[in-house]
N, C-alpha and C. Protein backbone atom coordinates (compact mmCIF):
# COMPACT_ATOMS: atom_id res chain seq x y z
N MET A 1 57.62 117.80 -17.48
CA MET A 1 57.62 116.39 -17.15
C MET A 1 57.31 116.25 -15.66
N PRO A 2 56.50 115.25 -15.28
CA PRO A 2 56.22 115.04 -13.86
C PRO A 2 57.50 114.68 -13.12
N THR A 3 57.50 114.94 -11.83
CA THR A 3 58.67 114.61 -11.03
C THR A 3 58.80 113.09 -10.89
N PHE A 4 60.01 112.65 -10.58
CA PHE A 4 60.26 111.23 -10.38
C PHE A 4 59.32 110.66 -9.32
N GLN A 5 59.09 111.41 -8.24
CA GLN A 5 58.24 110.93 -7.16
C GLN A 5 56.79 110.74 -7.63
N LYS A 6 56.28 111.67 -8.45
CA LYS A 6 54.91 111.53 -8.94
C LYS A 6 54.78 110.33 -9.86
N ILE A 7 55.77 110.14 -10.73
CA ILE A 7 55.72 108.99 -11.63
C ILE A 7 55.84 107.70 -10.84
N SER A 8 56.75 107.64 -9.89
CA SER A 8 56.92 106.45 -9.07
C SER A 8 55.63 106.09 -8.36
N ALA A 9 54.93 107.09 -7.84
CA ALA A 9 53.66 106.84 -7.16
C ALA A 9 52.62 106.28 -8.12
N SER A 10 52.64 106.74 -9.36
CA SER A 10 51.65 106.26 -10.34
C SER A 10 51.90 104.81 -10.73
N TYR A 11 53.10 104.30 -10.50
CA TYR A 11 53.41 102.91 -10.83
C TYR A 11 52.89 101.93 -9.78
N SER A 12 52.48 102.40 -8.64
CA SER A 12 52.02 101.49 -7.57
C SER A 12 50.86 100.62 -8.03
N SER A 13 49.85 101.24 -8.63
CA SER A 13 48.68 100.47 -9.09
C SER A 13 49.07 99.51 -10.20
N LEU A 14 49.90 99.97 -11.11
CA LEU A 14 50.35 99.11 -12.20
C LEU A 14 51.14 97.92 -11.66
N ARG A 15 52.01 98.18 -10.71
CA ARG A 15 52.81 97.11 -10.11
C ARG A 15 51.90 96.05 -9.48
N GLU A 16 50.91 96.49 -8.72
CA GLU A 16 50.00 95.55 -8.06
C GLU A 16 49.23 94.72 -9.08
N ALA A 17 48.75 95.36 -10.14
CA ALA A 17 48.00 94.65 -11.17
C ALA A 17 48.87 93.62 -11.87
N LEU A 18 50.10 94.00 -12.23
CA LEU A 18 51.00 93.07 -12.90
C LEU A 18 51.37 91.90 -12.01
N GLU A 19 51.59 92.16 -10.73
CA GLU A 19 51.91 91.07 -9.81
C GLU A 19 50.77 90.07 -9.72
N ARG A 20 49.52 90.57 -9.70
CA ARG A 20 48.36 89.67 -9.66
C ARG A 20 48.23 88.88 -10.96
N LEU A 21 48.39 89.55 -12.09
CA LEU A 21 48.23 88.89 -13.39
C LEU A 21 49.33 87.87 -13.68
N LEU A 22 50.51 88.15 -13.23
CA LEU A 22 51.66 87.31 -13.57
C LEU A 22 52.18 86.49 -12.40
N VAL A 23 51.34 86.26 -11.42
CA VAL A 23 51.76 85.59 -10.19
C VAL A 23 52.45 84.26 -10.47
N HIS A 24 52.03 83.53 -11.47
CA HIS A 24 52.62 82.21 -11.76
C HIS A 24 53.95 82.33 -12.51
N GLN A 25 54.32 83.52 -12.93
CA GLN A 25 55.59 83.72 -13.61
C GLN A 25 56.64 84.34 -12.70
N ASP A 26 56.31 84.48 -11.41
CA ASP A 26 57.25 85.01 -10.43
C ASP A 26 57.87 86.34 -10.90
N PRO A 27 57.05 87.37 -11.12
CA PRO A 27 57.58 88.62 -11.66
C PRO A 27 58.42 89.40 -10.65
N ALA A 28 59.43 90.08 -11.17
CA ALA A 28 60.20 91.04 -10.38
C ALA A 28 59.93 92.41 -10.99
N LEU A 29 59.46 93.33 -10.18
CA LEU A 29 59.14 94.67 -10.64
C LEU A 29 59.94 95.67 -9.83
N HIS A 30 60.60 96.60 -10.53
CA HIS A 30 61.37 97.61 -9.82
C HIS A 30 61.52 98.87 -10.67
N ILE A 31 61.80 99.95 -9.99
CA ILE A 31 62.10 101.22 -10.63
C ILE A 31 63.58 101.49 -10.39
N PRO A 32 64.39 101.37 -11.43
CA PRO A 32 65.83 101.56 -11.25
C PRO A 32 66.16 102.99 -10.81
N SER A 33 67.18 103.12 -10.00
CA SER A 33 67.62 104.46 -9.61
C SER A 33 68.76 104.88 -10.53
N GLY A 34 69.01 106.17 -10.56
CA GLY A 34 70.11 106.69 -11.36
C GLY A 34 69.89 106.61 -12.85
N VAL A 35 68.64 106.69 -13.30
CA VAL A 35 68.34 106.65 -14.73
C VAL A 35 67.85 108.01 -15.19
N ASP A 36 67.87 108.22 -16.51
CA ASP A 36 67.44 109.50 -17.07
C ASP A 36 65.94 109.71 -17.01
N TYR A 37 65.16 108.64 -17.07
CA TYR A 37 63.70 108.73 -17.02
C TYR A 37 63.20 107.54 -16.22
N PRO A 38 62.33 107.76 -15.25
CA PRO A 38 61.86 106.65 -14.42
C PRO A 38 60.96 105.68 -15.20
N VAL A 39 61.31 104.43 -15.19
CA VAL A 39 60.51 103.39 -15.83
C VAL A 39 60.28 102.28 -14.81
N LEU A 40 59.17 101.59 -14.96
CA LEU A 40 58.88 100.42 -14.14
C LEU A 40 59.32 99.21 -14.95
N VAL A 41 60.31 98.49 -14.46
CA VAL A 41 60.86 97.34 -15.17
C VAL A 41 60.22 96.07 -14.63
N LEU A 42 59.74 95.25 -15.55
CA LEU A 42 59.16 93.95 -15.24
C LEU A 42 60.09 92.89 -15.78
N GLU A 43 60.49 91.97 -14.92
CA GLU A 43 61.32 90.85 -15.34
C GLU A 43 60.65 89.56 -14.91
N THR A 44 60.54 88.63 -15.84
CA THR A 44 60.10 87.28 -15.53
C THR A 44 61.26 86.35 -15.93
N HIS A 45 61.04 85.07 -15.83
CA HIS A 45 62.10 84.13 -16.20
C HIS A 45 62.39 84.18 -17.69
N SER A 46 61.43 84.66 -18.48
CA SER A 46 61.63 84.64 -19.93
C SER A 46 61.56 86.00 -20.61
N ASP A 47 61.14 87.04 -19.91
CA ASP A 47 60.94 88.33 -20.56
C ASP A 47 61.42 89.49 -19.71
N VAL A 48 61.70 90.60 -20.39
CA VAL A 48 61.99 91.87 -19.74
C VAL A 48 61.16 92.92 -20.47
N ALA A 49 60.45 93.74 -19.72
CA ALA A 49 59.64 94.81 -20.30
C ALA A 49 59.75 96.02 -19.39
N ALA A 50 59.45 97.18 -19.95
CA ALA A 50 59.43 98.40 -19.16
C ALA A 50 58.17 99.17 -19.46
N PHE A 51 57.66 99.84 -18.46
CA PHE A 51 56.48 100.68 -18.58
C PHE A 51 56.87 102.09 -18.19
N ALA A 52 56.36 103.05 -18.93
CA ALA A 52 56.67 104.45 -18.65
C ALA A 52 55.40 105.27 -18.61
N ALA A 53 55.29 106.10 -17.60
CA ALA A 53 54.19 107.05 -17.51
C ALA A 53 54.64 108.31 -18.25
N LEU A 54 53.90 108.66 -19.29
CA LEU A 54 54.25 109.84 -20.07
C LEU A 54 53.32 110.98 -19.68
N ASP A 55 53.86 112.17 -19.57
CA ASP A 55 53.02 113.31 -19.24
C ASP A 55 52.33 113.82 -20.50
N GLY A 56 51.88 115.03 -20.51
CA GLY A 56 51.14 115.60 -21.63
C GLY A 56 51.97 115.86 -22.86
N SER A 57 53.25 115.52 -22.84
CA SER A 57 54.10 115.73 -24.02
C SER A 57 54.82 114.44 -24.39
N PRO A 58 54.08 113.47 -24.92
CA PRO A 58 54.69 112.18 -25.23
C PRO A 58 55.82 112.27 -26.26
N GLU A 59 55.75 113.25 -27.15
CA GLU A 59 56.80 113.41 -28.15
C GLU A 59 58.15 113.66 -27.48
N GLU A 60 58.14 114.30 -26.32
CA GLU A 60 59.37 114.59 -25.59
C GLU A 60 59.71 113.46 -24.61
N SER A 61 58.70 112.90 -23.94
CA SER A 61 58.92 111.91 -22.90
C SER A 61 59.27 110.52 -23.43
N TYR A 62 58.61 110.09 -24.51
CA TYR A 62 58.82 108.73 -25.01
C TYR A 62 60.28 108.47 -25.38
N PRO A 63 60.94 109.35 -26.14
CA PRO A 63 62.34 109.06 -26.47
C PRO A 63 63.23 108.92 -25.24
N LYS A 64 62.97 109.70 -24.20
CA LYS A 64 63.75 109.60 -22.97
C LYS A 64 63.50 108.27 -22.28
N ALA A 65 62.23 107.88 -22.20
CA ALA A 65 61.88 106.62 -21.55
C ALA A 65 62.45 105.44 -22.32
N TYR A 66 62.36 105.48 -23.64
CA TYR A 66 62.87 104.38 -24.46
C TYR A 66 64.40 104.30 -24.38
N ALA A 67 65.05 105.45 -24.37
CA ALA A 67 66.52 105.46 -24.24
C ALA A 67 66.93 104.87 -22.89
N THR A 68 66.17 105.17 -21.85
CA THR A 68 66.46 104.60 -20.53
C THR A 68 66.33 103.09 -20.56
N PHE A 69 65.25 102.58 -21.16
CA PHE A 69 65.06 101.13 -21.24
C PHE A 69 66.20 100.48 -22.04
N LYS A 70 66.56 101.07 -23.16
CA LYS A 70 67.64 100.50 -23.97
C LYS A 70 68.95 100.45 -23.19
N ALA A 71 69.24 101.51 -22.45
CA ALA A 71 70.48 101.54 -21.66
C ALA A 71 70.44 100.47 -20.58
N LEU A 72 69.31 100.33 -19.91
CA LEU A 72 69.17 99.29 -18.88
C LEU A 72 69.32 97.91 -19.49
N TYR A 73 68.68 97.69 -20.62
CA TYR A 73 68.74 96.39 -21.27
C TYR A 73 70.18 96.06 -21.69
N ARG A 74 70.85 97.03 -22.30
CA ARG A 74 72.24 96.81 -22.72
C ARG A 74 73.14 96.46 -21.54
N SER A 75 72.94 97.16 -20.43
CA SER A 75 73.82 96.93 -19.28
C SER A 75 73.50 95.64 -18.54
N ASN A 76 72.32 95.06 -18.80
CA ASN A 76 71.92 93.85 -18.08
C ASN A 76 71.53 92.70 -19.00
N HIS A 77 71.80 92.79 -20.28
CA HIS A 77 71.30 91.78 -21.22
C HIS A 77 71.83 90.38 -20.90
N ASP A 78 72.99 90.27 -20.34
CA ASP A 78 73.51 88.95 -20.03
C ASP A 78 72.81 88.31 -18.84
N LYS A 79 72.10 89.12 -18.04
CA LYS A 79 71.36 88.60 -16.90
C LYS A 79 69.90 88.31 -17.24
N SER A 80 69.40 88.89 -18.33
CA SER A 80 68.00 88.74 -18.70
C SER A 80 67.64 87.27 -18.91
N GLY A 81 66.50 86.91 -18.38
CA GLY A 81 66.03 85.55 -18.54
C GLY A 81 66.69 84.55 -17.61
N ARG A 82 67.53 85.03 -16.69
CA ARG A 82 68.21 84.11 -15.79
C ARG A 82 67.97 84.48 -14.33
N ARG A 83 66.80 84.99 -14.03
CA ARG A 83 66.51 85.34 -12.65
C ARG A 83 66.39 84.10 -11.81
């Protein structure tokens, strides 16, 4: 699996593109710390989504990334949609 730093760097272009595309929705984009797999979290006033860069072994990486998103969502579900 790529290192957290390599994955974080790969999110820079994605973050910039999403900010341009969603400028009217006031997006908040961040990479949470202290998680099992680095994901780029997008929050708008009405939605929460996560993006994950998977290395050459998606069968191994996807479950980790999805579990991270589910844990983040569970811990913050009461705040979702209320930015």
